[in-house]
Amino acid sequence: MTSNVGSREVARKPLRVGYATPSKGAAPDTVPDGEYRRAPEQAFAPEFLNRIDDIVIFRTLDAGDVVRIIDLELQGLFTRTGRLGYKIKVTEGAKRRLASMGYEARYGVRSLRRTLAEQVEEPLSTLILDGKLRTGDTVVVESDRSRGIRLRVDRPAA
């Protein structure tokens, strides 16, 4: 079971003085675990709490975490396209753009999978189905100011 019990209360706390306070509320990484651990006691009956073996507290994702998740999500796509004879290269700028498009602090990375499908997988599928790729081609996924993300085909020198 997962729950966000305690996260709203922590977000309502006044801003703490110090470095790297990314939001108007207290940064979840700076909140003592005790505040999170007390929250279920206020939300759930003791009979239910006795059935819980452990409480795991997750920290807020930062931009680097989201880029690493993108790398992990794209590994399967790299493998599948590699079997077809194509390579995919995703620029760092594209990863940052995809991260900003698919991550929202309030909702986490829930929409990241959809963003990757819409911005990378679907356009790549169109290139393949339209016969615009040849064996050995490299598809470069890059950030584009006007469209957000664009796919460019690099052909090996003949």
Protein backbone atom coordinates (compact mmCIF):
# COMPACT_ATOMS: atom_id res chain seq x y z
CA MET A 1 0.00 0.00 0.00
CA THR A 2 1.18 3.51 -0.70
CA SER A 3 -0.15 6.71 0.77
CA ASN A 4 0.59 10.40 0.75
CA VAL A 5 -0.51 10.75 4.37
CA GLY A 6 1.51 13.54 5.90
CA SER A 7 2.64 15.17 2.68
CA ARG A 8 -0.08 17.84 2.72
CA GLU A 9 0.64 18.75 6.31
CA VAL A 10 4.34 19.05 5.61
CA ALA A 11 3.65 21.20 2.53
CA ARG A 12 1.60 23.61 4.68
CA LYS A 13 4.48 24.21 7.09
CA PRO A 14 5.99 27.68 6.86
CA LEU A 15 9.06 28.16 4.73
CA ARG A 16 12.25 27.34 6.60
CA VAL A 17 15.20 29.64 6.46
CA GLY A 18 18.26 28.18 4.81
CA TYR A 19 19.75 27.13 1.52
CA ALA A 20 18.01 25.27 -1.32
CA THR A 21 14.41 25.69 -0.23
CA PRO A 22 12.73 24.82 -3.55
CA SER A 23 9.10 25.57 -2.68
CA LYS A 24 6.93 27.78 -0.53
CA GLY A 25 6.36 24.97 1.98
CA ALA A 26 8.96 23.03 3.85
CA ALA A 27 11.09 20.92 1.58
CA PRO A 28 10.18 17.26 2.25
CA ASP A 29 13.86 16.34 2.41
CA THR A 30 14.37 18.73 5.34
CA VAL A 31 11.38 17.55 7.36
CA PRO A 32 12.22 15.18 10.21
CA ASP A 33 10.97 11.64 9.58
CA GLY A 34 8.99 11.86 12.81
CA GLU A 35 6.52 14.28 11.24
CA TYR A 36 5.78 11.78 8.50
CA ARG A 37 5.63 8.87 10.93
CA ARG A 38 3.10 10.65 13.17
CA ALA A 39 0.74 11.43 10.27
CA PRO A 40 -0.69 7.88 9.88
CA GLU A 41 -1.55 7.86 13.60
CA GLN A 42 -3.82 10.83 12.98
CA ALA A 43 -5.34 9.43 9.78
CA PHE A 44 -5.88 5.72 10.52
CA ALA A 45 -7.42 3.64 13.29
CA PRO A 46 -5.01 1.79 15.63
CA GLU A 47 -6.39 -1.56 14.42
CA PHE A 48 -5.31 -0.73 10.89
CA LEU A 49 -1.92 0.63 11.96
CA ASN A 50 -1.15 -2.63 13.78
CA ARG A 51 -1.30 -4.40 10.41
CA ILE A 52 1.41 -2.20 8.89
CA ASP A 53 4.86 -3.78 9.02
CA ASP A 54 6.93 -0.78 8.01
CA ILE A 55 6.70 2.81 6.85
CA VAL A 56 9.03 3.91 4.07
CA ILE A 57 9.47 7.63 3.49
CA PHE A 58 10.35 8.69 -0.03
CA ARG A 59 12.14 11.93 -0.75
CA THR A 60 11.13 14.35 -3.48
CA LEU A 61 12.67 13.68 -6.88
CA ASP A 62 15.09 16.23 -8.27
CA ALA A 63 15.86 16.92 -11.95
CA GLY A 64 18.74 14.42 -11.96
CA ASP A 65 16.47 11.69 -10.62
CA VAL A 66 13.93 12.34 -13.38
CA VAL A 67 16.64 12.18 -16.07
CA ARG A 68 17.81 8.83 -14.64
CA ILE A 69 14.22 7.56 -14.79
CA ILE A 70 14.06 8.66 -18.44
CA ASP A 71 17.27 6.71 -19.13
CA LEU A 72 15.76 3.60 -17.52
CA GLU A 73 12.45 3.96 -19.36
CA LEU A 74 14.19 4.36 -22.72
CA GLN A 75 16.41 1.26 -22.32
CA GLY A 76 13.61 -1.02 -23.53
CA LEU A 77 13.05 1.18 -26.57
CA PHE A 78 16.78 1.13 -27.35
CA THR A 79 16.78 -2.67 -27.18
CA ARG A 80 13.71 -3.04 -29.43
CA THR A 81 14.98 -0.63 -32.07
CA GLY A 82 18.46 -2.17 -31.91
CA ARG A 83 16.94 -5.49 -32.96
CA LEU A 84 15.49 -3.70 -36.00
CA GLY A 85 18.91 -2.32 -36.92
CA TYR A 86 18.44 1.26 -35.73
CA LYS A 87 20.20 3.22 -33.01
CA ILE A 88 18.73 5.95 -30.86
CA LYS A 89 20.66 8.78 -29.28
CA VAL A 90 18.93 11.15 -26.86
CA THR A 91 20.73 14.44 -26.25
CA GLU A 92 21.08 15.82 -22.73
CA GLY A 93 18.97 18.81 -23.78
CA ALA A 94 16.20 16.47 -24.91
CA LYS A 95 16.36 14.58 -21.63
CA ARG A 96 16.03 17.83 -19.69
CA ARG A 97 13.12 18.92 -21.90
CA LEU A 98 11.37 15.54 -21.53
CA ALA A 99 11.90 15.75 -17.77
CA SER A 100 10.29 19.18 -17.61
CA MET A 101 7.40 18.02 -19.80
CA GLY A 102 6.76 14.78 -17.91
CA TYR A 103 7.41 15.71 -14.29
CA GLU A 104 5.42 17.92 -12.00
CA ALA A 105 6.41 18.17 -8.34
CA ARG A 106 2.80 17.83 -7.23
CA TYR A 107 2.13 14.61 -9.18
CA GLY A 108 5.62 13.16 -9.53
CA VAL A 109 6.55 11.23 -12.67
CA ARG A 110 3.08 9.80 -13.30
CA SER A 111 2.83 11.52 -16.69
CA LEU A 112 6.43 10.81 -17.71
CA ARG A 113 5.58 7.50 -19.39
CA ARG A 114 2.86 9.22 -21.44
CA THR A 115 5.25 12.05 -22.36
CA LEU A 116 7.88 9.57 -23.58
CA ALA A 117 5.27 7.73 -25.64
CA GLU A 118 3.91 10.91 -27.23
CA GLN A 119 7.22 12.67 -27.79
CA VAL A 120 9.57 9.79 -28.66
CA GLU A 121 7.90 6.43 -29.24
CA GLU A 122 5.01 7.55 -31.45
CA PRO A 123 7.11 9.75 -33.79
CA LEU A 124 9.72 6.96 -33.96
CA SER A 125 7.01 4.43 -34.85
CA THR A 126 5.81 6.75 -37.61
CA LEU A 127 9.33 6.96 -39.06
CA ILE A 128 9.60 3.17 -39.04
CA LEU A 129 6.12 2.52 -40.50
CA ASP A 130 6.58 5.17 -43.20
CA GLY A 131 9.82 3.47 -44.28
CA LYS A 132 11.95 6.53 -43.53
CA LEU A 133 14.60 4.54 -41.63
CA ARG A 134 17.23 2.22 -43.03
CA THR A 135 19.32 -0.37 -41.24
CA GLY A 136 22.23 1.40 -39.55
CA ASP A 137 20.45 4.74 -39.20
CA THR A 138 20.69 6.64 -35.93
CA VAL A 139 17.66 8.55 -34.71
CA VAL A 140 18.73 11.56 -32.67
CA VAL A 141 16.15 12.82 -30.19
CA GLU A 142 16.84 16.48 -29.52
CA SER A 143 15.28 19.50 -27.91
CA ASP A 144 13.59 21.92 -30.29
CA ARG A 145 12.46 25.41 -29.31
CA SER A 146 9.31 25.44 -31.41
CA ARG A 147 8.13 21.82 -31.08
CA GLY A 148 9.66 20.77 -27.78
CA ILE A 149 11.20 17.52 -29.00
CA ARG A 150 12.19 16.53 -32.50
CA LEU A 151 13.63 13.39 -34.06
CA ARG A 152 16.42 13.69 -36.63
CA VAL A 153 17.70 10.80 -38.73
CA ASP A 154 21.48 10.48 -39.18
CA ARG A 155 22.58 8.08 -41.89
CA PRO A 156 25.98 6.37 -41.82
CA ALA A 157 28.48 7.64 -44.36
CA ALA A 158 28.26 5.54 -47.51
